Amino acid sequence: MRLSGFVRNAAFAFVLLLLAVAVDRLDAPATRPVRNYIVFVLSHDLDYRPWLEAVRGRLTWPPLFRQPGAGLDAGSVDPAAPEPGASGGR
């Protein structure tokens, strides 16, 4: 991101913060629904697990990762590794 884009985004975020503070401080009847909505959005718990499950269901893994014994499962053995119990050169 360029510096000009960062400054523009920071200025936009600052303006939004000023608007939120102004809505909170005014406490006029017309601003109460907006204030309640801001409080709802900021305090709402979002359950993202269903979205992650949907994405996981769409992912396709290459056959390499699905084949047992392809070198990626816990039972595979590296042929270049020394045998257990072998001495280190003596």
Protein backbone atom coordinates (compact mmCIF):
# COMPACT_ATOMS: atom_id res chain seq x y z
CA MET A 1 0.00 0.00 0.00
CA ARG A 2 1.29 3.41 -0.88
CA LEU A 3 1.58 6.18 1.65
CA SER A 4 -1.19 8.17 -0.04
CA GLY A 5 -3.57 5.21 0.25
CA PHE A 6 -2.69 4.77 3.90
CA VAL A 7 -3.30 8.46 4.62
CA ARG A 8 -6.62 8.36 2.78
CA ASN A 9 -7.76 5.26 4.71
CA ALA A 10 -6.60 6.73 8.02
CA ALA A 11 -8.48 9.98 7.32
CA PHE A 12 -11.63 8.04 6.43
CA ALA A 13 -11.37 5.98 9.62
CA PHE A 14 -10.87 9.17 11.65
CA VAL A 15 -13.98 10.77 10.09
CA LEU A 16 -16.01 7.65 10.93
CA LEU A 17 -14.73 7.76 14.50
CA LEU A 18 -15.70 11.44 14.78
CA LEU A 19 -19.20 10.65 13.48
CA ALA A 20 -19.62 7.82 15.99
CA VAL A 21 -18.49 10.07 18.85
CA ALA A 22 -20.81 12.86 17.67
CA VAL A 23 -23.79 10.47 17.53
CA ASP A 24 -22.98 9.28 21.04
CA ARG A 25 -22.57 12.79 22.47
CA LEU A 26 -25.67 14.34 20.86
CA ASP A 27 -28.13 11.95 22.53
CA ALA A 28 -30.95 13.44 20.45
CA PRO A 29 -34.07 11.36 19.70
CA ALA A 30 -33.06 11.16 16.04
CA THR A 31 -29.60 9.75 16.86
CA ARG A 32 -30.73 7.06 19.32
CA PRO A 33 -31.49 4.43 16.64
CA VAL A 34 -28.11 5.08 15.02
CA ARG A 35 -26.39 4.82 18.41
CA ASN A 36 -28.19 1.58 19.19
CA TYR A 37 -27.18 0.16 15.81
CA ILE A 38 -23.52 1.12 16.36
CA VAL A 39 -23.60 -0.53 19.80
CA PHE A 40 -25.17 -3.65 18.28
CA VAL A 41 -22.58 -3.90 15.52
CA LEU A 42 -19.64 -3.38 17.86
CA SER A 43 -20.88 -5.82 20.50
CA HIS A 44 -22.32 -8.54 18.27
CA ASP A 45 -20.73 -11.98 18.51
CA LEU A 46 -20.15 -13.35 15.05
CA ASP A 47 -20.09 -17.12 14.65
CA TYR A 48 -17.69 -17.69 11.76
CA ARG A 49 -17.50 -21.49 12.07
CA PRO A 50 -20.30 -22.21 9.53
CA TRP A 51 -18.49 -20.06 6.97
CA LEU A 52 -15.22 -21.88 7.61
CA GLU A 53 -16.94 -25.24 7.22
CA ALA A 54 -18.45 -24.12 3.91
CA VAL A 55 -15.03 -23.03 2.66
CA ARG A 56 -13.43 -26.26 3.89
CA GLY A 57 -16.07 -28.26 2.01
CA ARG A 58 -15.18 -26.49 -1.24
CA LEU A 59 -11.43 -27.03 -0.94
CA THR A 60 -9.99 -29.85 -3.00
CA TRP A 61 -6.68 -31.32 -1.95
CA PRO A 62 -4.25 -32.85 -4.43
CA PRO A 63 -4.18 -36.66 -4.43
CA LEU A 64 -0.69 -36.56 -2.89
CA PHE A 65 -2.12 -35.52 0.46
CA ARG A 66 -4.87 -38.13 0.45
CA GLN A 67 -2.78 -41.23 -0.25
CA PRO A 68 -1.54 -43.11 2.80
CA GLY A 69 2.16 -43.86 2.67
CA ALA A 70 2.93 -40.89 0.43
CA GLY A 71 5.48 -39.60 2.92
CA LEU A 72 3.19 -37.19 4.72
CA ASP A 73 1.45 -39.41 7.25
CA ALA A 74 2.74 -40.28 10.73
CA GLY A 75 3.70 -43.85 9.78
CA SER A 76 6.05 -42.97 6.94
CA VAL A 77 9.77 -43.55 7.29
CA ASP A 78 12.52 -41.50 5.71
CA PRO A 79 14.90 -43.92 3.92
CA ALA A 80 17.87 -41.56 4.47
CA ALA A 81 17.35 -41.44 8.24
CA PRO A 82 19.63 -43.63 10.37
CA GLU A 83 18.08 -46.67 11.99
CA PRO A 84 17.13 -46.38 15.65
CA GLY A 85 19.91 -47.66 17.90
CA ALA A 86 22.63 -47.28 15.25
CA SER A 87 25.87 -45.85 16.55
CA GLY A 88 27.07 -42.52 15.28
CA GLY A 89 30.21 -43.77 13.49
CA ARG A 90 31.92 -46.14 15.98
